[in-house]
Amino acid sequence: MRDNNNSILNEIFRLFQLNILEVNINEIGNSTNLIYELQNENDAYILRISRQPFYNLPQYEAEMDYVNYLFYMQVNVSKIILSINNKLVEVIYSNAECYFINGERQWVKFIV
């Protein structure tokens, strides 16, 4: 993914209508997930990019649906934001690899 990073991020910003001023890259875990902290004028976001086989999509969507359910049940978790296609998870193909993308609005604001 690193070779195609900018084009993937630009597509994500378009899909989730994010006008981002600052991007902090924090890789956590193994190479399957990349986590980005994003900041615009009003909100902070967490972006998760997971390189997965396409057949894992239903499981990944169920995970995001459950996190959103917890948010609406007032559990202290981030709200999953919908894409312009009204999806919790978007799929992007790049260099014959499949990436699952989701964004979360952080419930804690950055303190500057």
PDB file of N, CA and C in Angstrom:
ATOM      1  N   MET A   1       0.812  -1.188   0.000  1.00  0.00           N
ATOM      2  CA  MET A   1       0.000   0.000   0.000  1.00  0.00           C
ATOM      3  C   MET A   1       0.857   1.255   0.000  1.00  0.00           C
ATOM      4  N   ARG A   2       2.005   1.201   0.629  1.00  0.00           N
ATOM      5  CA  ARG A   2       2.807   2.402   0.769  1.00  0.00           C
ATOM      6  C   ARG A   2       3.146   3.048  -0.577  1.00  0.00           C
ATOM      7  N   ASP A   3       3.304   2.241  -1.618  1.00  0.00           N
ATOM      8  CA  ASP A   3       3.626   2.775  -2.937  1.00  0.00           C
ATOM      9  C   ASP A   3       2.487   3.615  -3.500  1.00  0.00           C
ATOM     10  N   ASN A   4       1.277   3.272  -3.157  1.00  0.00           N
ATOM     11  CA  ASN A   4       0.094   3.916  -3.707  1.00  0.00           C
ATOM     12  C   ASN A   4      -0.646   4.727  -2.648  1.00  0.00           C
ATOM     13  N   ASN A   5       0.046   5.088  -1.580  1.00  0.00           N
ATOM     14  CA  ASN A   5      -0.570   5.685  -0.406  1.00  0.00           C
ATOM     15  C   ASN A   5      -1.378   6.942  -0.712  1.00  0.00           C
ATOM     16  N   ASN A   6      -0.803   7.882  -1.445  1.00  0.00           N
ATOM     17  CA  ASN A   6      -1.493   9.149  -1.703  1.00  0.00           C
ATOM     18  C   ASN A   6      -2.766   8.965  -2.510  1.00  0.00           C
ATOM     19  N   SER A   7      -2.739   8.121  -3.526  1.00  0.00           N
ATOM     20  CA  SER A   7      -3.947   7.927  -4.330  1.00  0.00           C
ATOM     21  C   SER A   7      -5.037   7.239  -3.517  1.00  0.00           C
ATOM     22  N   ILE A   8      -4.665   6.301  -2.653  1.00  0.00           N
ATOM     23  CA  ILE A   8      -5.656   5.641  -1.791  1.00  0.00           C
ATOM     24  C   ILE A   8      -6.235   6.643  -0.801  1.00  0.00           C
ATOM     25  N   LEU A   9      -5.387   7.446  -0.162  1.00  0.00           N
ATOM     26  CA  LEU A   9      -5.889   8.450   0.787  1.00  0.00           C
ATOM     27  C   LEU A   9      -6.789   9.468   0.095  1.00  0.00           C
ATOM     28  N   ASN A  10      -6.435   9.913  -1.096  1.00  0.00           N
ATOM     29  CA  ASN A  10      -7.284  10.869  -1.817  1.00  0.00           C
ATOM     30  C   ASN A  10      -8.647  10.270  -2.129  1.00  0.00           C
ATOM     31  N   GLU A  11      -8.678   9.003  -2.505  1.00  0.00           N
ATOM     32  CA  GLU A  11      -9.960   8.339  -2.766  1.00  0.00           C
ATOM     33  C   GLU A  11     -10.776   8.225  -1.478  1.00  0.00           C
ATOM     34  N   ILE A  12     -10.131   7.936  -0.377  1.00  0.00           N
ATOM     35  CA  ILE A  12     -10.820   7.850   0.918  1.00  0.00           C
ATOM     36  C   ILE A  12     -11.391   9.209   1.297  1.00  0.00           C
ATOM     37  N   PHE A  13     -10.599  10.269   1.154  1.00  0.00           N
ATOM     38  CA  PHE A  13     -11.088  11.605   1.488  1.00  0.00           C
ATOM     39  C   PHE A  13     -12.311  11.954   0.649  1.00  0.00           C
ATOM     40  N   ARG A  14     -12.318  11.528  -0.619  1.00  0.00           N
ATOM     41  CA  ARG A  14     -13.475  11.776  -1.483  1.00  0.00           C
ATOM     42  C   ARG A  14     -14.678  10.965  -1.006  1.00  0.00           C
ATOM     43  N   LEU A  15     -14.472   9.676  -0.730  1.00  0.00           N
ATOM     44  CA  LEU A  15     -15.583   8.800  -0.338  1.00  0.00           C
ATOM     45  C   LEU A  15     -16.231   9.219   0.974  1.00  0.00           C
ATOM     46  N   PHE A  16     -15.443   9.745   1.895  1.00  0.00           N
ATOM     47  CA  PHE A  16     -15.972  10.125   3.199  1.00  0.00           C
ATOM     48  C   PHE A  16     -16.112  11.638   3.349  1.00  0.00           C
ATOM     49  N   GLN A  17     -15.938  12.373   2.252  1.00  0.00           N
ATOM     50  CA  GLN A  17     -16.084  13.827   2.220  1.00  0.00           C
ATOM     51  C   GLN A  17     -15.303  14.490   3.353  1.00  0.00           C
ATOM     52  N   LEU A  18     -14.037  14.160   3.432  1.00  0.00           N
ATOM     53  CA  LEU A  18     -13.176  14.708   4.471  1.00  0.00           C
ATOM     54  C   LEU A  18     -12.271  15.778   3.876  1.00  0.00           C
ATOM     55  N   ASN A  19     -12.322  16.964   4.437  1.00  0.00           N
ATOM     56  CA  ASN A  19     -11.409  18.038   4.077  1.00  0.00           C
ATOM     57  C   ASN A  19     -10.369  18.098   5.189  1.00  0.00           C
ATOM     58  N   ILE A  20      -9.278  17.398   4.993  1.00  0.00           N
ATOM     59  CA  ILE A  20      -8.324  17.158   6.063  1.00  0.00           C
ATOM     60  C   ILE A  20      -7.200  18.185   6.034  1.00  0.00           C
ATOM     61  N   LEU A  21      -6.908  18.729   7.212  1.00  0.00           N
ATOM     62  CA  LEU A  21      -5.823  19.688   7.347  1.00  0.00           C
ATOM     63  C   LEU A  21      -4.538  19.031   7.834  1.00  0.00           C
ATOM     64  N   GLU A  22      -4.675  17.968   8.616  1.00  0.00           N
ATOM     65  CA  GLU A  22      -3.502  17.345   9.221  1.00  0.00           C
ATOM     66  C   GLU A  22      -3.683  15.834   9.247  1.00  0.00           C
ATOM     67  N   VAL A  23      -2.645  15.095   8.885  1.00  0.00           N
ATOM     68  CA  VAL A  23      -2.675  13.634   8.906  1.00  0.00           C
ATOM     69  C   VAL A  23      -1.490  13.150   9.726  1.00  0.00           C
ATOM     70  N   ASN A  24      -1.769  12.372  10.762  1.00  0.00           N
ATOM     71  CA  ASN A  24      -0.719  11.726  11.546  1.00  0.00           C
ATOM     72  C   ASN A  24      -0.825  10.234  11.310  1.00  0.00           C
ATOM     73  N   ILE A  25       0.258   9.624  10.862  1.00  0.00           N
ATOM     74  CA  ILE A  25       0.242   8.202  10.559  1.00  0.00           C
ATOM     75  C   ILE A  25       0.757   7.439  11.766  1.00  0.00           C
ATOM     76  N   ASN A  26      -0.072   6.550  12.284  1.00  0.00           N
ATOM     77  CA  ASN A  26       0.316   5.681  13.385  1.00  0.00           C
ATOM     78  C   ASN A  26       0.013   4.258  12.984  1.00  0.00           C
ATOM     79  N   GLU A  27       1.041   3.511  12.693  1.00  0.00           N
ATOM     80  CA  GLU A  27       0.838   2.104  12.370  1.00  0.00           C
ATOM     81  C   GLU A  27       0.818   1.326  13.678  1.00  0.00           C
ATOM     82  N   ILE A  28      -0.249   0.578  13.883  1.00  0.00           N
ATOM     83  CA  ILE A  28      -0.319  -0.253  15.076  1.00  0.00           C
ATOM     84  C   ILE A  28      -0.667  -1.664  14.660  1.00  0.00           C
ATOM     85  N   GLY A  29      -0.229  -2.604  15.449  1.00  0.00           N
ATOM     86  CA  GLY A  29      -0.500  -3.996  15.129  1.00  0.00           C
ATOM     87  C   GLY A  29       0.425  -4.476  14.031  1.00  0.00           C
ATOM     88  N   ASN A  30      -0.099  -5.381  13.217  1.00  0.00           N
ATOM     89  CA  ASN A  30       0.707  -5.937  12.130  1.00  0.00           C
ATOM     90  C   ASN A  30       0.465  -5.156  10.846  1.00  0.00           C
ATOM     91  N   SER A  31       0.943  -5.673   9.748  1.00  0.00           N
ATOM     92  CA  SER A  31       0.826  -4.943   8.486  1.00  0.00           C
ATOM     93  C   SER A  31      -0.571  -5.008   7.880  1.00  0.00           C
ATOM     94  N   THR A  32      -1.510  -5.704   8.525  1.00  0.00           N
ATOM     95  CA  THR A  32      -2.870  -5.806   8.006  1.00  0.00           C
ATOM     96  C   THR A  32      -3.636  -4.498   8.167  1.00  0.00           C
ATOM     97  N   ASN A  33      -3.376  -3.745   9.238  1.00  0.00           N
ATOM     98  CA  ASN A  33      -4.102  -2.510   9.515  1.00  0.00           C
ATOM     99  C   ASN A  33      -3.165  -1.311   9.537  1.00  0.00           C
ATOM    100  N   LEU A  34      -3.607  -0.227   8.921  1.00  0.00           N
ATOM    101  CA  LEU A  34      -2.964   1.069   9.083  1.00  0.00           C
ATOM    102  C   LEU A  34      -3.984   1.984   9.732  1.00  0.00           C
ATOM    103  N   ILE A  35      -3.566   2.690  10.756  1.00  0.00           N
ATOM    104  CA  ILE A  35      -4.446   3.602  11.478  1.00  0.00           C
ATOM    105  C   ILE A  35      -3.920   5.018  11.268  1.00  0.00           C
ATOM    106  N   TYR A  36      -4.800   5.914  10.860  1.00  0.00           N
ATOM    107  CA  TYR A  36      -4.445   7.310  10.659  1.00  0.00           C
ATOM    108  C   TYR A  36      -5.275   8.175  11.595  1.00  0.00           C
ATOM    109  N   GLU A  37      -4.639   9.190  12.151  1.00  0.00           N
ATOM    110  CA  GLU A  37      -5.361  10.229  12.878  1.00  0.00           C
ATOM    111  C   GLU A  37      -5.492  11.409  11.925  1.00  0.00           C
ATOM    112  N   LEU A  38      -6.711  11.890  11.743  1.00  0.00           N
ATOM    113  CA  LEU A  38      -6.980  12.976  10.803  1.00  0.00           C
ATOM    114  C   LEU A  38      -7.635  14.127  11.546  1.00  0.00           C
ATOM    115  N   GLN A  39      -7.323  15.338  11.143  1.00  0.00           N
ATOM    116  CA  GLN A  39      -7.882  16.513  11.801  1.00  0.00           C
ATOM    117  C   GLN A  39      -8.321  17.511  10.738  1.00  0.00           C
ATOM    118  N   ASN A  40      -9.560  18.017  10.868  1.00  0.00           N
ATOM    119  CA  ASN A  40      -9.957  19.151  10.043  1.00  0.00           C
ATOM    120  C   ASN A  40     -10.281  20.304  10.980  1.00  0.00           C
ATOM    121  N   GLU A  41     -10.945  21.330  10.501  1.00  0.00           N
ATOM    122  CA  GLU A  41     -11.193  22.505  11.335  1.00  0.00           C
ATOM    123  C   GLU A  41     -12.059  22.203  12.552  1.00  0.00           C
ATOM    124  N   ASN A  42     -12.997  21.262  12.425  1.00  0.00           N
ATOM    125  CA  ASN A  42     -13.974  21.045  13.489  1.00  0.00           C
ATOM    126  C   ASN A  42     -13.878  19.707  14.198  1.00  0.00           C
ATOM    127  N   ASP A  43     -13.377  18.692  13.541  1.00  0.00           N
ATOM    128  CA  ASP A  43     -13.446  17.342  14.083  1.00  0.00           C
ATOM    129  C   ASP A  43     -12.122  16.614  13.960  1.00  0.00           C
ATOM    130  N   ALA A  44     -12.014  15.579  14.766  1.00  0.00           N
ATOM    131  CA  ALA A  44     -10.895  14.646  14.672  1.00  0.00           C
ATOM    132  C   ALA A  44     -11.459  13.299  14.249  1.00  0.00           C
ATOM    133  N   TYR A  45     -10.721  12.583  13.429  1.00  0.00           N
ATOM    134  CA  TYR A  45     -11.175  11.300  12.910  1.00  0.00           C
ATOM    135  C   TYR A  45     -10.081  10.262  13.066  1.00  0.00           C
ATOM    136  N   ILE A  46     -10.510   9.020  13.111  1.00  0.00           N
ATOM    137  CA  ILE A  46      -9.601   7.889  13.027  1.00  0.00           C
ATOM    138  C   ILE A  46      -9.966   7.143  11.759  1.00  0.00           C
ATOM    139  N   LEU A  47      -8.985   6.887  10.937  1.00  0.00           N
ATOM    140  CA  LEU A  47      -9.192   6.167   9.687  1.00  0.00           C
ATOM    141  C   LEU A  47      -8.479   4.829   9.787  1.00  0.00           C
ATOM    142  N   ARG A  48      -9.191   3.765   9.506  1.00  0.00           N
ATOM    143  CA  ARG A  48      -8.611   2.424   9.550  1.00  0.00           C
ATOM    144  C   ARG A  48      -8.621   1.845   8.140  1.00  0.00           C
ATOM    145  N   ILE A  49      -7.452   1.433   7.694  1.00  0.00           N
ATOM    146  CA  ILE A  49      -7.309   0.792   6.390  1.00  0.00           C
ATOM    147  C   ILE A  49      -6.814  -0.622   6.641  1.00  0.00           C
ATOM    148  N   SER A  50      -7.577  -1.592   6.202  1.00  0.00           N
ATOM    149  CA  SER A  50      -7.232  -3.000   6.423  1.00  0.00           C
ATOM    150  C   SER A  50      -7.079  -3.708   5.093  1.00  0.00           C
ATOM    151  N   ARG A  51      -5.945  -4.332   4.903  1.00  0.00           N
ATOM    152  CA  ARG A  51      -5.745  -5.149   3.705  1.00  0.00           C
ATOM    153  C   ARG A  51      -6.287  -6.541   4.027  1.00  0.00           C
ATOM    154  N   GLN A  52      -7.348  -6.917   3.333  1.00  0.00           N
ATOM    155  CA  GLN A  52      -8.056  -8.162   3.625  1.00  0.00           C
ATOM    156  C   GLN A  52      -8.493  -8.820   2.321  1.00  0.00           C
ATOM    157  N   PRO A  53      -8.672 -10.128   2.340  1.00  0.00           N
ATOM    158  CA  PRO A  53      -9.325 -10.774   1.194  1.00  0.00           C
ATOM    159  C   PRO A  53     -10.786 -10.325   1.131  1.00  0.00           C
ATOM    160  N   PHE A  54     -11.311 -10.188  -0.070  1.00  0.00           N
ATOM    161  CA  PHE A  54     -12.672  -9.681  -0.236  1.00  0.00           C
ATOM    162  C   PHE A  54     -13.701 -10.518   0.512  1.00  0.00           C
ATOM    163  N   TYR A  55     -13.476 -11.839   0.634  1.00  0.00           N
ATOM    164  CA  TYR A  55     -14.468 -12.681   1.308  1.00  0.00           C
ATOM    165  C   TYR A  55     -14.610 -12.349   2.791  1.00  0.00           C
ATOM    166  N   ASN A  56     -13.710 -11.564   3.370  1.00  0.00           N
ATOM    167  CA  ASN A  56     -13.836 -11.140   4.770  1.00  0.00           C
ATOM    168  C   ASN A  56     -14.743  -9.921   4.937  1.00  0.00           C
ATOM    169  N   LEU A  57     -15.220  -9.346   3.840  1.00  0.00           N
ATOM    170  CA  LEU A  57     -16.015  -8.123   3.914  1.00  0.00           C
ATOM    171  C   LEU A  57     -17.236  -8.246   4.822  1.00  0.00           C
ATOM    172  N   PRO A  58     -18.065  -9.297   4.742  1.00  0.00           N
ATOM    173  CA  PRO A  58     -19.232  -9.367   5.635  1.00  0.00           C
ATOM    174  C   PRO A  58     -18.857  -9.350   7.120  1.00  0.00           C
ATOM    175  N   GLN A  59     -17.772  -9.997   7.479  1.00  0.00           N
ATOM    176  CA  GLN A  59     -17.326 -10.002   8.875  1.00  0.00           C
ATOM    177  C   GLN A  59     -16.876  -8.601   9.295  1.00  0.00           C
ATOM    178  N   TYR A  60     -16.155  -7.925   8.425  1.00  0.00           N
ATOM    179  CA  TYR A  60     -15.680  -6.575   8.707  1.00  0.00           C
ATOM    180  C   TYR A  60     -16.860  -5.606   8.832  1.00  0.00           C
ATOM    181  N   GLU A  61     -17.838  -5.724   7.939  1.00  0.00           N
ATOM    182  CA  GLU A  61     -19.037  -4.879   8.010  1.00  0.00           C
ATOM    183  C   GLU A  61     -19.801  -5.134   9.300  1.00  0.00           C
ATOM    184  N   ALA A  62     -19.894  -6.384   9.715  1.00  0.00           N
ATOM    185  CA  ALA A  62     -20.592  -6.719  10.961  1.00  0.00           C
ATOM    186  C   ALA A  62     -19.888  -6.088  12.159  1.00  0.00           C
ATOM    187  N   GLU A  63     -18.570  -6.084  12.139  1.00  0.00           N
ATOM    188  CA  GLU A  63     -17.809  -5.455  13.224  1.00  0.00           C
ATOM    189  C   GLU A  63     -18.122  -3.963  13.311  1.00  0.00           C
ATOM    190  N   MET A  64     -18.140  -3.278  12.172  1.00  0.00           N
ATOM    191  CA  MET A  64     -18.422  -1.844  12.164  1.00  0.00           C
ATOM    192  C   MET A  64     -19.874  -1.564  12.559  1.00  0.00           C
ATOM    193  N   ASP A  65     -20.787  -2.409  12.116  1.00  0.00           N
ATOM    194  CA  ASP A  65     -22.188  -2.273  12.489  1.00  0.00           C
ATOM    195  C   ASP A  65     -22.353  -2.414  14.000  1.00  0.00           C
ATOM    196  N   TYR A  66     -21.623  -3.347  14.595  1.00  0.00           N
ATOM    197  CA  TYR A  66     -21.706  -3.555  16.040  1.00  0.00           C
ATOM    198  C   TYR A  66     -21.136  -2.355  16.802  1.00  0.00           C
ATOM    199  N   VAL A  67     -20.029  -1.791  16.331  1.00  0.00           N
ATOM    200  CA  VAL A  67     -19.465  -0.605  16.976  1.00  0.00           C
ATOM    201  C   VAL A  67     -20.466   0.544  16.901  1.00  0.00           C
ATOM    202  N   ASN A  68     -21.119   0.706  15.762  1.00  0.00           N
ATOM    203  CA  ASN A  68     -22.128   1.760  15.633  1.00  0.00           C
ATOM    204  C   ASN A  68     -23.315   1.510  16.559  1.00  0.00           C
ATOM    205  N   TYR A  69     -23.732   0.257  16.676  1.00  0.00           N
ATOM    206  CA  TYR A  69     -24.807  -0.101  17.608  1.00  0.00           C
ATOM    207  C   TYR A  69     -24.418   0.302  19.031  1.00  0.00           C
ATOM    208  N   LEU A  70     -23.194  -0.008  19.437  1.00  0.00           N
ATOM    209  CA  LEU A  70     -22.735   0.363  20.778  1.00  0.00           C
ATOM    210  C   LEU A  70     -22.771   1.875  20.967  1.00  0.00           C
ATOM    211  N   PHE A  71     -22.373   2.624  19.929  1.00  0.00           N
ATOM    212  CA  PHE A  71     -22.414   4.081  20.011  1.00  0.00           C
ATOM    213  C   PHE A  71     -23.838   4.563  20.281  1.00  0.00           C
ATOM    214  N   TYR A  72     -24.804   4.038  19.530  1.00  0.00           N
ATOM    215  CA  TYR A  72     -26.192   4.469  19.697  1.00  0.00           C
ATOM    216  C   TYR A  72     -26.813   3.976  20.997  1.00  0.00           C
ATOM    217  N   MET A  73     -26.199   2.971  21.618  1.00  0.00           N
ATOM    218  CA  MET A  73     -26.639   2.515  22.940  1.00  0.00           C
ATOM    219  C   MET A  73     -25.901   3.281  24.038  1.00  0.00           C
ATOM    220  N   GLN A  74     -25.193   4.334  23.653  1.00  0.00           N
ATOM    221  CA  GLN A  74     -24.488   5.262  24.525  1.00  0.00           C
ATOM    222  C   GLN A  74     -23.306   4.639  25.260  1.00  0.00           C
ATOM    223  N   VAL A  75     -22.712   3.626  24.638  1.00  0.00           N
ATOM    224  CA  VAL A  75     -21.444   3.100  25.128  1.00  0.00           C
ATOM    225  C   VAL A  75     -20.355   4.044  24.624  1.00  0.00           C
ATOM    226  N   ASN A  76     -19.315   4.218  25.398  1.00  0.00           N
ATOM    227  CA  ASN A  76     -18.271   5.187  25.089  1.00  0.00           C
ATOM    228  C   ASN A  76     -17.330   4.667  23.997  1.00  0.00           C
ATOM    229  N   VAL A  77     -17.829   4.646  22.760  1.00  0.00           N
ATOM    230  CA  VAL A  77     -17.047   4.250  21.587  1.00  0.00           C
ATOM    231  C   VAL A  77     -17.207   5.328  20.520  1.00  0.00           C
ATOM    232  N   SER A  78     -16.346   5.292  19.535  1.00  0.00           N
ATOM    233  CA  SER A  78     -16.436   6.254  18.434  1.00  0.00           C
ATOM    234  C   SER A  78     -17.586   5.907  17.508  1.00  0.00           C
ATOM    235  N   LYS A  79     -18.173   6.948  16.922  1.00  0.00           N
ATOM    236  CA  LYS A  79     -19.228   6.748  15.934  1.00  0.00           C
ATOM    237  C   LYS A  79     -18.587   6.493  14.575  1.00  0.00           C
ATOM    238  N   ILE A  80     -19.045   5.448  13.898  1.00  0.00           N
ATOM    239  CA  ILE A  80     -18.573   5.159  12.552  1.00  0.00           C
ATOM    240  C   ILE A  80     -19.261   6.136  11.600  1.00  0.00           C
ATOM    241  N   ILE A  81     -18.492   6.781  10.743  1.00  0.00           N
ATOM    242  CA  ILE A  81     -19.096   7.718   9.799  1.00  0.00           C
ATOM    243  C   ILE A  81     -19.393   7.002   8.487  1.00  0.00           C
ATOM    244  N   LEU A  82     -20.469   7.412   7.867  1.00  0.00           N
ATOM    245  CA  LEU A  82     -20.883   6.818   6.600  1.00  0.00           C
ATOM    246  C   LEU A  82     -20.163   7.481   5.436  1.00  0.00           C
ATOM    247  N   SER A  83     -19.935   6.703   4.408  1.00  0.00           N
ATOM    248  CA  SER A  83     -19.348   7.239   3.180  1.00  0.00           C
ATOM    249  C   SER A  83     -20.436   7.947   2.372  1.00  0.00           C
ATOM    250  N   ILE A  84     -20.048   8.545   1.264  1.00  0.00           N
ATOM    251  CA  ILE A  84     -21.029   9.188   0.391  1.00  0.00           C
ATOM    252  C   ILE A  84     -21.969   8.159  -0.227  1.00  0.00           C
ATOM    253  N   ASN A  85     -21.583   6.890  -0.176  1.00  0.00           N
ATOM    254  CA  ASN A  85     -22.427   5.799  -0.678  1.00  0.00           C
ATOM    255  C   ASN A  85     -23.294   5.191   0.420  1.00  0.00           C
ATOM    256  N   ASN A  86     -23.336   5.872   1.574  1.00  0.00           N
ATOM    257  CA  ASN A  86     -24.136   5.436   2.717  1.00  0.00           C
ATOM    258  C   ASN A  86     -23.682   4.071   3.253  1.00  0.00           C
ATOM    259  N   LYS A  87     -22.376   3.848   3.248  1.00  0.00           N
ATOM    260  CA  LYS A  87     -21.808   2.586   3.720  1.00  0.00           C
ATOM    261  C   LYS A  87     -20.916   2.832   4.932  1.00  0.00           C
ATOM    262  N   LEU A  88     -20.898   1.858   5.847  1.00  0.00           N
ATOM    263  CA  LEU A  88     -19.973   1.907   6.974  1.00  0.00           C
ATOM    264  C   LEU A  88     -18.560   1.525   6.552  1.00  0.00           C
ATOM    265  N   VAL A  89     -18.465   0.700   5.522  1.00  0.00           N
ATOM    266  CA  VAL A  89     -17.175   0.205   5.029  1.00  0.00           C
ATOM    267  C   VAL A  89     -17.137   0.384   3.515  1.00  0.00           C
ATOM    268  N   GLU A  90     -16.050   0.913   3.020  1.00  0.00           N
ATOM    269  CA  GLU A  90     -15.823   1.005   1.582  1.00  0.00           C
ATOM    270  C   GLU A  90     -14.681   0.069   1.206  1.00  0.00           C
ATOM    271  N   VAL A  91     -14.715  -0.419  -0.009  1.00  0.00           N
ATOM    272  CA  VAL A  91     -13.664  -1.288  -0.524  1.00  0.00           C
ATOM    273  C   VAL A  91     -12.940  -0.543  -1.640  1.00  0.00           C
ATOM    274  N   ILE A  92     -11.619  -0.519  -1.550  1.00  0.00           N
ATOM    275  CA  ILE A  92     -10.790   0.096  -2.578  1.00  0.00           C
ATOM    276  C   ILE A  92      -9.806  -0.957  -3.062  1.00  0.00           C
ATOM    277  N   TYR A  93      -9.683  -1.067  -4.380  1.00  0.00           N
ATOM    278  CA  TYR A  93      -8.717  -1.989  -4.978  1.00  0.00           C
ATOM    279  C   TYR A  93      -7.529  -1.180  -5.480  1.00  0.00           C
ATOM    280  N   SER A  94      -6.337  -1.671  -5.161  1.00  0.00           N
ATOM    281  CA  SER A  94      -5.124  -1.010  -5.616  1.00  0.00           C
ATOM    282  C   SER A  94      -4.025  -2.051  -5.772  1.00  0.00           C
ATOM    283  N   ASN A  95      -3.400  -2.060  -6.934  1.00  0.00           N
ATOM    284  CA  ASN A  95      -2.308  -3.010  -7.199  1.00  0.00           C
ATOM    285  C   ASN A  95      -2.714  -4.443  -6.884  1.00  0.00           C
ATOM    286  N   ALA A  96      -3.890  -4.831  -7.339  1.00  0.00           N
ATOM    287  CA  ALA A  96      -4.421  -6.193  -7.168  1.00  0.00           C
ATOM    288  C   ALA A  96      -4.624  -6.574  -5.708  1.00  0.00           C
ATOM    289  N   GLU A  97      -4.706  -5.582  -4.830  1.00  0.00           N
ATOM    290  CA  GLU A  97      -4.998  -5.850  -3.426  1.00  0.00           C
ATOM    291  C   GLU A  97      -6.304  -5.167  -3.051  1.00  0.00           C
ATOM    292  N   CYS A  98      -6.976  -5.736  -2.064  1.00  0.00           N
ATOM    293  CA  CYS A  98      -8.269  -5.244  -1.606  1.00  0.00           C
ATOM    294  C   CYS A  98      -8.091  -4.596  -0.235  1.00  0.00           C
ATOM    295  N   TYR A  99      -8.605  -3.370  -0.084  1.00  0.00           N
ATOM    296  CA  TYR A  99      -8.518  -2.652   1.177  1.00  0.00           C
ATOM    297  C   TYR A  99      -9.918  -2.315   1.666  1.00  0.00           C
ATOM    298  N   PHE A 100     -10.178  -2.590   2.948  1.00  0.00           N
ATOM    299  CA  PHE A 100     -11.430  -2.188   3.580  1.00  0.00           C
ATOM    300  C   PHE A 100     -11.147  -0.892   4.328  1.00  0.00           C
ATOM    301  N   ILE A 101     -12.031   0.069   4.148  1.00  0.00           N
ATOM    302  CA  ILE A 101     -11.826   1.392   4.712  1.00  0.00           C
ATOM    303  C   ILE A 101     -13.015   1.752   5.585  1.00  0.00           C
ATOM    304  N   ASN A 102     -12.745   2.280   6.773  1.00  0.00           N
ATOM    305  CA  ASN A 102     -13.821   2.872   7.555  1.00  0.00           C
ATOM    306  C   ASN A 102     -13.269   4.054   8.330  1.00  0.00           C
ATOM    307  N   GLY A 103     -14.139   4.986   8.615  1.00  0.00           N
ATOM    308  CA  GLY A 103     -13.752   6.168   9.372  1.00  0.00           C
ATOM    309  C   GLY A 103     -14.561   6.252  10.644  1.00  0.00           C
ATOM    310  N   GLU A 104     -13.944   6.776  11.678  1.00  0.00           N
ATOM    311  CA  GLU A 104     -14.619   6.955  12.956  1.00  0.00           C
ATOM    312  C   GLU A 104     -14.431   8.393  13.404  1.00  0.00           C
ATOM    313  N   ARG A 105     -15.492   8.977  13.908  1.00  0.00           N
ATOM    314  CA  ARG A 105     -15.396  10.302  14.506  1.00  0.00           C
ATOM    315  C   ARG A 105     -14.991  10.091  15.954  1.00  0.00           C
ATOM    316  N   GLN A 106     -13.898  10.694  16.345  1.00  0.00           N
ATOM    317  CA  GLN A 106     -13.424  10.502  17.706  1.00  0.00           C
ATOM    318  C   GLN A 106     -14.359  11.171  18.693  1.00  0.00           C
ATOM    319  N   TRP A 107     -14.555  10.516  19.816  1.00  0.00           N
ATOM    320  CA  TRP A 107     -15.393  11.106  20.853  1.00  0.00           C
ATOM    321  C   TRP A 107     -14.592  12.012  21.765  1.00  0.00           C
ATOM    322  N   VAL A 108     -13.283  12.003  21.640  1.00  0.00           N
ATOM    323  CA  VAL A 108     -12.423  12.898  22.410  1.00  0.00           C
ATOM    324  C   VAL A 108     -11.753  13.847  21.428  1.00  0.00           C
ATOM    325  N   LYS A 109     -11.886  15.125  21.657  1.00  0.00           N
ATOM    326  CA  LYS A 109     -11.257  16.121  20.788  1.00  0.00           C
ATOM    327  C   LYS A 109      -9.769  16.218  21.115  1.00  0.00           C
ATOM    328  N   PHE A 110      -8.989  16.562  20.109  1.00  0.00           N
ATOM    329  CA  PHE A 110      -7.581  16.834  20.363  1.00  0.00           C
ATOM    330  C   PHE A 110      -7.474  18.108  21.192  1.00  0.00           C
ATOM    331  N   ILE A 111      -6.575  18.124  22.143  1.00  0.00           N
ATOM    332  CA  ILE A 111      -6.331  19.327  22.935  1.00  0.00           C
ATOM    333  C   ILE A 111      -5.072  19.979  22.395  1.00  0.00           C
ATOM    334  N   VAL A 112      -5.205  21.229  21.997  1.00  0.00           N
ATOM    335  CA  VAL A 112      -4.070  21.923  21.386  1.00  0.00           C
ATOM    336  C   VAL A 112      -3.534  22.955  22.350  1.00  0.00           C
TER     337      VAL A 112
END
